[in-house]
C-alpha atoms as a PDB file:
ATOM      1  CA  MET A   1     -29.135 -83.472-216.715  1.00  0.00           C
ATOM      2  CA  ALA A   2     -32.762 -82.134-217.361  1.00  0.00           C
ATOM      3  CA  VAL A   3     -34.028 -83.010-220.046  1.00  0.00           C
ATOM      4  CA  ILE A   4     -36.758 -81.654-222.337  1.00  0.00           C
ATOM      5  CA  SER A   5     -38.548 -83.588-224.905  1.00  0.00           C
ATOM      6  CA  VAL A   6     -40.055 -82.380-228.188  1.00  0.00           C
ATOM      7  CA  LYS A   7     -41.839 -84.963-230.095  1.00  0.00           C
ATOM      8  CA  ASN A   8     -42.467 -85.126-233.694  1.00  0.00           C
ATOM      9  CA  SER A   9     -43.409 -87.992-236.179  1.00  0.00           C
ATOM     10  CA  GLY A  10     -39.775 -89.290-236.429  1.00  0.00           C
ATOM     11  CA  GLY A  11     -39.423 -89.915-232.453  1.00  0.00           C
ATOM     12  CA  GLU A  12     -38.218 -87.459-229.936  1.00  0.00           C
ATOM     13  CA  ARG A  13     -35.215 -85.109-229.902  1.00  0.00           C
ATOM     14  CA  LYS A  14     -33.924 -84.121-226.401  1.00  0.00           C
ATOM     15  CA  LEU A  15     -32.985 -80.734-225.478  1.00  0.00           C
ATOM     16  CA  LYS A  16     -30.579 -81.004-222.454  1.00  0.00           C
ATOM     17  CA  ARG A  17     -29.937 -78.420-219.918  1.00  0.00           C
ATOM     18  CA  HIS A  18     -27.404 -78.227-217.149  1.00  0.00           C
ATOM     19  CA  ARG A  19     -28.565 -78.746-213.739  1.00  0.00           C
ATOM     20  CA  LEU A  20     -27.252 -74.896-212.877  1.00  0.00           C
ATOM     21  CA  PHE A  21     -30.203 -74.037-214.867  1.00  0.00           C
ATOM     22  CA  ASN A  22     -32.841 -76.151-213.706  1.00  0.00           C
ATOM     23  CA  ARG A  23     -34.798 -73.609-212.016  1.00  0.00           C
ATOM     24  CA  ARG A  24     -34.850 -71.050-215.027  1.00  0.00           C
ATOM     25  CA  ARG A  25     -37.638 -71.208-217.328  1.00  0.00           C
ATOM     26  CA  ILE A  26     -37.327 -72.782-220.701  1.00  0.00           C
ATOM     27  CA  SER A  27     -35.427 -70.084-223.037  1.00  0.00           C
ATOM     28  CA  ASP A  28     -36.792 -68.503-226.205  1.00  0.00           C
ATOM     29  CA  ALA A  29     -34.372 -70.508-228.346  1.00  0.00           C
ATOM     30  CA  GLU A  30     -35.671 -73.953-226.857  1.00  0.00           C
ATOM     31  CA  ILE A  31     -39.291 -72.389-227.478  1.00  0.00           C
ATOM     32  CA  ALA A  32     -38.564 -71.807-231.320  1.00  0.00           C
ATOM     33  CA  PHE A  33     -36.544 -74.890-231.805  1.00  0.00           C
ATOM     34  CA  GLY A  34     -39.788 -76.799-230.188  1.00  0.00           C
ATOM     35  CA  PHE A  35     -42.209 -74.903-232.827  1.00  0.00           C
ATOM     36  CA  PHE A  36     -39.974 -75.263-235.829  1.00  0.00           C
ATOM     37  CA  VAL A  37     -39.660 -79.184-235.025  1.00  0.00           C
ATOM     38  CA  LYS A  38     -43.596 -79.087-234.827  1.00  0.00           C
ATOM     39  CA  GLN A  39     -43.953 -76.878-238.074  1.00  0.00           C
ATOM     40  CA  LEU A  40     -41.622 -79.114-239.905  1.00  0.00           C
ATOM     41  CA  ASP A  41     -43.648 -82.387-238.382  1.00  0.00           C
ATOM     42  CA  GLN A  42     -46.895 -80.979-239.932  1.00  0.00           C
ATOM     43  CA  ASN A  43     -45.068 -79.715-243.418  1.00  0.00           C
ATOM     44  CA  LEU A  44     -43.971 -83.342-243.785  1.00  0.00           C
ATOM     45  CA  THR A  45     -47.320 -84.740-242.898  1.00  0.00           C
ATOM     46  CA  SER A  46     -48.606 -82.771-245.532  1.00  0.00           C
ATOM     47  CA  PHE A  47     -46.730 -83.397-248.246  1.00  0.00           C
ATOM     48  CA  ASP A  48     -47.002 -86.893-247.893  1.00  0.00           C
ATOM     49  CA  ARG A  49     -50.694 -86.539-248.125  1.00  0.00           C
ATOM     50  CA  PHE A  50     -50.195 -84.607-251.486  1.00  0.00           C
ATOM     51  CA  ILE A  51     -47.832 -87.554-252.826  1.00  0.00           C
ATOM     52  CA  GLU A  52     -50.560 -90.019-251.390  1.00  0.00           C
ATOM     53  CA  TRP A  53     -53.269 -88.045-253.586  1.00  0.00           C
ATOM     54  CA  TYR A  54     -51.178 -87.654-256.584  1.00  0.00           C
ATOM     55  CA  ASN A  55     -50.466 -91.470-256.961  1.00  0.00           C
ATOM     56  CA  ARG A  56     -53.778 -92.463-256.181  1.00  0.00           C
ATOM     57  CA  TYR A  57     -55.496 -89.707-258.753  1.00  0.00           C
ATOM     58  CA  MET A  58     -53.206 -88.003-260.893  1.00  0.00           C
ATOM     59  CA  LYS A  59     -51.190 -90.913-262.410  1.00  0.00           C
ATOM     60  CA  ARG A  60     -54.339 -92.767-263.045  1.00  0.00           C
ATOM     61  CA  ASN A  61     -56.183 -89.889-265.384  1.00  0.00           C
ATOM     62  CA  LYS A  62     -54.015 -87.313-267.371  1.00  0.00           C
ATOM     63  CA  LEU A  63     -57.272 -85.300-267.530  1.00  0.00           C
ATOM     64  CA  TYR A  64     -56.761 -83.761-263.693  1.00  0.00           C
ATOM     65  CA  ILE A  65     -53.444 -82.416-264.947  1.00  0.00           C
ATOM     66  CA  LEU A  66     -55.210 -81.053-267.719  1.00  0.00           C
ATOM     67  CA  PHE A  67     -57.969 -79.616-265.412  1.00  0.00           C
ATOM     68  CA  VAL A  68     -55.678 -78.378-263.332  1.00  0.00           C
ATOM     69  CA  PHE A  69     -53.697 -76.672-266.083  1.00  0.00           C
ATOM     70  CA  LEU A  70     -56.774 -74.822-267.394  1.00  0.00           C
ATOM     71  CA  ILE A  71     -57.646 -73.484-263.753  1.00  0.00           C
ATOM     72  CA  ILE A  72     -54.199 -72.259-263.456  1.00  0.00           C
ATOM     73  CA  ASN A  73     -54.614 -69.910-266.685  1.00  0.00           C
ATOM     74  CA  VAL A  74     -57.782 -69.086-265.882  1.00  0.00           C
ATOM     75  CA  SER A  75     -57.052 -67.482-262.736  1.00  0.00           C
ATOM     76  CA  ALA A  76     -53.879 -65.967-264.225  1.00  0.00           C
ATOM     77  CA  CYS A  77     -56.004 -64.311-266.930  1.00  0.00           C
ATOM     78  CA  SER A  78     -58.774 -63.207-264.219  1.00  0.00           C
ATOM     79  CA  MET A  79     -55.974 -61.100-262.818  1.00  0.00           C
ATOM     80  CA  PHE A  80     -55.946 -58.371-265.835  1.00  0.00           C
ATOM     81  CA  SER A  81     -58.750 -56.613-266.011  1.00  0.00           C
ATOM     82  CA  PRO A  82     -60.705 -56.672-269.465  1.00  0.00           C
ATOM     83  CA  ASN A  83     -62.629 -53.205-268.011  1.00  0.00           C
ATOM     84  CA  LEU A  84     -59.219 -51.198-269.059  1.00  0.00           C
ATOM     85  CA  LYS A  85     -58.354 -49.955-272.382  1.00  0.00           C
ATOM     86  CA  ARG A  86     -55.027 -48.777-273.444  1.00  0.00           C
ATOM     87  CA  GLU A  87     -55.318 -46.404-276.539  1.00  0.00           C
ATOM     88  CA  VAL A  88     -52.262 -45.215-278.691  1.00  0.00           C
ATOM     89  CA  LEU A  89     -52.562 -41.319-278.947  1.00  0.00           C
ATOM     90  CA  LYS A  90     -51.533 -39.305-282.274  1.00  0.00           C
ATOM     91  CA  ASP A  91     -50.468 -36.496-280.218  1.00  0.00           C
ATOM     92  CA  ASP A  92     -49.068 -35.573-277.097  1.00  0.00           C
ATOM     93  CA  MET A  93     -51.961 -33.899-275.879  1.00  0.00           C
ATOM     94  CA  ILE A  94     -53.147 -34.999-272.468  1.00  0.00           C
ATOM     95  CA  ARG A  95     -56.258 -34.151-270.360  1.00  0.00           C
ATOM     96  CA  PRO A  96     -55.622 -30.529-268.271  1.00  0.00           C
ATOM     97  CA  GLY A  97     -55.067 -30.809-264.356  1.00  0.00           C
ATOM     98  CA  ASN A  98     -52.767 -32.311-261.842  1.00  0.00           C
ATOM     99  CA  TYR A  99     -51.425 -35.670-261.988  1.00  0.00           C
ATOM    100  CA  THR A 100     -49.335 -38.193-259.985  1.00  0.00           C
ATOM    101  CA  LEU A 101     -46.095 -38.995-261.784  1.00  0.00           C
ATOM    102  CA  ILE A 102     -44.901 -42.420-261.384  1.00  0.00           C
ATOM    103  CA  LEU A 103     -41.199 -42.610-262.665  1.00  0.00           C
ATOM    104  CA  TYR A 104     -40.647 -46.402-263.132  1.00  0.00           C
ATOM    105  CA  GLY A 105     -37.360 -48.253-263.661  1.00  0.00           C
ATOM    106  CA  ALA A 106     -33.808 -46.250-264.756  1.00  0.00           C
ATOM    107  CA  ARG A 107     -32.154 -48.501-261.942  1.00  0.00           C
ATOM    108  CA  TYR A 108     -28.840 -49.404-263.550  1.00  0.00           C
ATOM    109  CA  GLY A 109     -27.149 -49.062-266.711  1.00  0.00           C
ATOM    110  CA  GLU A 110     -29.049 -50.650-269.808  1.00  0.00           C
ATOM    111  CA  ASP A 111     -32.477 -50.746-267.817  1.00  0.00           C
ATOM    112  CA  LEU A 112     -35.192 -51.416-270.515  1.00  0.00           C
ATOM    113  CA  GLU A 113     -37.622 -51.443-268.274  1.00  0.00           C
ATOM    114  CA  THR A 114     -38.302 -47.851-267.911  1.00  0.00           C
ATOM    115  CA  ILE A 115     -41.474 -46.347-268.480  1.00  0.00           C
ATOM    116  CA  ALA A 116     -43.577 -43.354-267.162  1.00  0.00           C
ATOM    117  CA  PHE A 117     -47.130 -42.885-266.049  1.00  0.00           C
ATOM    118  CA  LEU A 118     -49.551 -40.224-265.371  1.00  0.00           C
ATOM    119  CA  ASP A 119     -52.370 -40.750-263.029  1.00  0.00           C
ATOM    120  CA  TYR A 120     -55.192 -38.546-263.191  1.00  0.00           C
ATOM    121  CA  GLU A 121     -55.864 -36.741-259.680  1.00  0.00           C
ATOM    122  CA  GLY A 122     -59.169 -35.632-260.540  1.00  0.00           C
ATOM    123  CA  ASP A 123     -60.844 -39.120-259.859  1.00  0.00           C
ATOM    124  CA  ASP A 124     -61.095 -41.942-257.177  1.00  0.00           C
ATOM    125  CA  VAL A 125     -58.932 -44.188-258.942  1.00  0.00           C
ATOM    126  CA  VAL A 126     -54.690 -44.426-258.019  1.00  0.00           C
ATOM    127  CA  PHE A 127     -52.246 -46.039-260.102  1.00  0.00           C
ATOM    128  CA  GLU A 128     -49.745 -48.571-258.432  1.00  0.00           C
ATOM    129  CA  PRO A 129     -46.934 -50.684-259.884  1.00  0.00           C
ATOM    130  CA  PHE A 130     -46.408 -54.301-258.807  1.00  0.00           C
ATOM    131  CA  ALA A 131     -43.153 -53.789-257.842  1.00  0.00           C
ATOM    132  CA  ARG A 132     -40.879 -52.849-254.885  1.00  0.00           C
ATOM    133  CA  ALA A 133     -40.745 -49.418-254.036  1.00  0.00           C
ATOM    134  CA  ASP A 134     -37.489 -48.430-254.730  1.00  0.00           C
ATOM    135  CA  ASP A 135     -38.427 -49.611-258.505  1.00  0.00           C
ATOM    136  CA  TYR A 136     -39.942 -46.527-258.945  1.00  0.00           C
ATOM    137  CA  GLU A 137     -40.471 -42.898-257.915  1.00  0.00           C
ATOM    138  CA  ILE A 138     -43.640 -41.114-257.362  1.00  0.00           C
ATOM    139  CA  LYS A 139     -43.965 -37.285-257.644  1.00  0.00           C
ATOM    140  CA  TYR A 140     -47.246 -35.643-256.506  1.00  0.00           C
ATOM    141  CA  HIS A 141     -49.784 -33.230-257.986  1.00  0.00           C
ATOM    142  CA  VAL A 142     -47.732 -32.130-261.303  1.00  0.00           C
ATOM    143  CA  GLY A 143     -49.210 -29.919-263.871  1.00  0.00           C
ATOM    144  CA  ASP A 144     -50.177 -31.831-267.065  1.00  0.00           C
ATOM    145  CA  GLY A 145     -47.431 -29.981-268.959  1.00  0.00           C
ATOM    146  CA  GLU A 146     -44.871 -30.322-266.581  1.00  0.00           C
ATOM    147  CA  ALA A 147     -45.419 -34.069-265.593  1.00  0.00           C
ATOM    148  CA  LEU A 148     -45.554 -34.923-269.759  1.00  0.00           C
ATOM    149  CA  THR A 149     -42.092 -33.082-270.366  1.00  0.00           C
ATOM    150  CA  GLU A 150     -40.620 -34.929-267.048  1.00  0.00           C
ATOM    151  CA  ALA A 151     -41.790 -38.008-267.999  1.00  0.00           C
ATOM    152  CA  THR A 152     -40.260 -37.764-271.666  1.00  0.00           C
ATOM    153  CA  LYS A 153     -36.956 -36.567-269.907  1.00  0.00           C
ATOM    154  CA  PHE A 154     -36.806 -39.497-267.849  1.00  0.00           C
ATOM    155  CA  ILE A 155     -37.690 -42.216-270.253  1.00  0.00           C
ATOM    156  CA  SER A 156     -35.405 -40.880-273.030  1.00  0.00           C
ATOM    157  CA  TRP A 157     -32.148 -41.462-270.730  1.00  0.00           C
ATOM    158  CA  TYR A 158     -31.270 -44.703-272.745  1.00  0.00           C
ATOM    159  CA  PRO A 159     -28.672 -44.125-275.392  1.00  0.00           C
ATOM    160  CA  SER A 160     -30.726 -46.089-278.231  1.00  0.00           C
ATOM    161  CA  PHE A 161     -33.673 -44.004-277.521  1.00  0.00           C
ATOM    162  CA  VAL A 162     -35.511 -43.024-280.624  1.00  0.00           C
ATOM    163  CA  SER A 163     -39.384 -41.351-279.593  1.00  0.00           C
ATOM    164  CA  SER A 164     -41.878 -42.029-277.167  1.00  0.00           C
ATOM    165  CA  GLN A 165     -45.514 -43.484-277.469  1.00  0.00           C
ATOM    166  CA  LEU A 166     -48.542 -41.817-275.629  1.00  0.00           C
ATOM    167  CA  SER A 167     -51.284 -43.899-274.696  1.00  0.00           C
ATOM    168  CA  ARG A 168     -54.372 -43.269-272.629  1.00  0.00           C
ATOM    169  CA  ILE A 169     -55.843 -45.640-270.289  1.00  0.00           C
ATOM    170  CA  THR A 170     -59.613 -45.445-270.023  1.00  0.00           C
ATOM    171  CA  ASP A 171     -62.441 -47.647-268.206  1.00  0.00           C
ATOM    172  CA  THR A 172     -65.462 -48.897-269.811  1.00  0.00           C
ATOM    173  CA  GLN A 173     -67.074 -45.638-269.576  1.00  0.00           C
ATOM    174  CA  GLY A 174     -64.359 -44.070-271.697  1.00  0.00           C
ATOM    175  CA  ARG A 175     -63.286 -42.304-268.540  1.00  0.00           C
ATOM    176  CA  VAL A 176     -59.683 -41.339-268.592  1.00  0.00           C
ATOM    177  CA  LEU A 177     -57.811 -42.292-265.714  1.00  0.00           C
ATOM    178  CA  GLY A 178     -54.081 -41.894-266.979  1.00  0.00           C
ATOM    179  CA  TYR A 179     -51.619 -42.121-269.424  1.00  0.00           C
ATOM    180  CA  GLU A 180     -48.722 -44.234-270.466  1.00  0.00           C
ATOM    181  CA  LEU A 181     -45.497 -42.993-272.113  1.00  0.00           C
ATOM    182  CA  ARG A 182     -43.452 -45.738-272.883  1.00  0.00           C
ATOM    183  CA  PRO A 183     -39.738 -45.367-274.895  1.00  0.00           C
ATOM    184  CA  ARG A 184     -39.129 -46.663-278.500  1.00  0.00           C
ATOM    185  CA  TYR A 185     -35.602 -47.630-279.350  1.00  0.00           C
ATOM    186  CA  LEU A 186     -33.414 -48.183-282.224  1.00  0.00           C
ATOM    187  CA  ARG A 187     -34.261 -52.062-282.493  1.00  0.00           C
ATOM    188  CA  ILE A 188     -30.472 -53.028-284.007  1.00  0.00           C
ATOM    189  CA  LEU A 189     -29.364 -51.889-280.204  1.00  0.00           C
ATOM    190  CA  THR A 190     -32.164 -53.433-278.506  1.00  0.00           C
ATOM    191  CA  TYR A 191     -32.457 -56.895-279.600  1.00  0.00           C
ATOM    192  CA  GLY A 192     -34.345 -56.369-282.755  1.00  0.00           C
ATOM    193  CA  HIS A 193     -37.414 -54.668-281.219  1.00  0.00           C
ATOM    194  CA  SER A 194     -38.264 -50.933-280.841  1.00  0.00           C
ATOM    195  CA  ASP A 195     -41.101 -51.536-278.043  1.00  0.00           C
ATOM    196  CA  VAL A 196     -39.448 -53.964-275.710  1.00  0.00           C
ATOM    197  CA  LEU A 197     -42.192 -53.879-273.019  1.00  0.00           C
ATOM    198  CA  ARG A 198     -45.412 -55.890-271.788  1.00  0.00           C
ATOM    199  CA  VAL A 199     -47.277 -53.495-269.668  1.00  0.00           C
ATOM    200  CA  ARG A 200     -50.479 -55.046-268.390  1.00  0.00           C
ATOM    201  CA  TYR A 201     -53.100 -53.370-266.104  1.00  0.00           C
ATOM    202  CA  SER A 202     -55.671 -54.808-263.336  1.00  0.00           C
ATOM    203  CA  LEU A 203     -58.313 -52.396-261.628  1.00  0.00           C
ATOM    204  CA  LYS A 204     -59.841 -53.669-258.540  1.00  0.00           C
ATOM    205  CA  ASP A 205     -61.020 -51.878-255.601  1.00  0.00           C
ATOM    206  CA  LYS A 206     -60.488 -48.186-256.935  1.00  0.00           C
ATOM    207  CA  LYS A 207     -56.847 -49.296-257.867  1.00  0.00           C
ATOM    208  CA  VAL A 208     -55.080 -49.775-261.030  1.00  0.00           C
ATOM    209  CA  ILE A 209     -52.429 -52.191-260.613  1.00  0.00           C
ATOM    210  CA  ILE A 210     -49.387 -52.015-263.258  1.00  0.00           C
ATOM    211  CA  TYR A 211     -47.320 -55.066-263.932  1.00  0.00           C
ATOM    212  CA  VAL A 212     -44.391 -54.350-266.190  1.00  0.00           C
ATOM    213  CA  SER A 213     -41.992 -57.083-267.771  1.00  0.00           C
ATOM    214  CA  LEU A 214     -39.874 -57.183-270.846  1.00  0.00           C
ATOM    215  CA  LYS A 215     -41.250 -58.973-274.044  1.00  0.00           C
ATOM    216  CA  GLU A 216     -40.420 -62.871-273.718  1.00  0.00           C
ATOM    217  CA  GLU A 217     -38.175 -62.974-276.775  1.00  0.00           C
ATOM    218  CA  VAL A 218     -36.311 -59.860-275.471  1.00  0.00           C
ATOM    219  CA  GLU A 219     -35.691 -61.785-272.178  1.00  0.00           C
ATOM    220  CA  ARG A 220     -34.642 -64.618-274.367  1.00  0.00           C
ATOM    221  CA  ALA A 221     -31.928 -62.504-275.996  1.00  0.00           C
ATOM    222  CA  ILE A 222     -30.539 -61.053-272.747  1.00  0.00           C
ATOM    223  CA  ASP A 223     -30.404 -64.379-271.211  1.00  0.00           C
ATOM    224  CA  GLY A 224     -28.108 -65.553-273.857  1.00  0.00           C
ATOM    225  CA  ASN A 225     -30.644 -67.993-275.897  1.00  0.00           C
ATOM    226  CA  GLY A 226     -31.015 -65.531-278.696  1.00  0.00           C
ATOM    227  CA  ALA A 227     -33.774 -65.049-280.894  1.00  0.00           C
ATOM    228  CA  ASP A 228     -34.540 -66.040-284.384  1.00  0.00           C
ATOM    229  CA  GLU A 229     -35.087 -63.755-287.217  1.00  0.00           C
ATOM    230  CA  SER A 230     -38.734 -63.830-287.413  1.00  0.00           C
ATOM    231  CA  GLU A 231     -38.770 -62.534-284.119  1.00  0.00           C
ATOM    232  CA  PHE A 232     -36.476 -59.250-285.243  1.00  0.00           C
ATOM    233  CA  GLU A 233     -38.814 -58.860-287.961  1.00  0.00           C
ATOM    234  CA  LYS A 234     -41.860 -58.423-285.433  1.00  0.00           C
END
């Protein structure tokens, strides 16, 4: 029997081949297995170093934990650009021109994460949802009137839909980059909230990244943990 040895920190693993295959080259499976063992050994070594560092520093000084916590929070806050402003409009008048229509959600029955975005095509900034490609639909070169009509129709499919809320997204110079059209629901049927969405924007490299999620209290209610009456009053 021919023997191929793969070394790691736990000793040697031996891969045996039959004599009939002594003359052939090492198979892809054997190469892959050897690579896997090597990577596992490296990862375990790194993990051991992390545990050693944790025991040496973190347990002795709780301030390190606070420092790491602050770094994480600052990093999370920096993801969302303060250079963008969302302003709710009192009417349904939007800037004339063509728009890229982004229809987000409505993927299944009772999908509350449903919203529409109108990206103005007359500038060099592009809207892009932070989500899988099958979570939204994009339509290009849609006229302003048609875009608003189609967006309203899209978000109004939910049974408890009451009205829509139109907001414009502007930069620090007051330039209108696009619009957001979100649904308003009958509160008693949507966990005590007429507006269930939390939408955040991040401007980077001529691209507006859109983060869509449900409000935390709505998620808790859906998960079965419930929400107290004070939350229903919001």
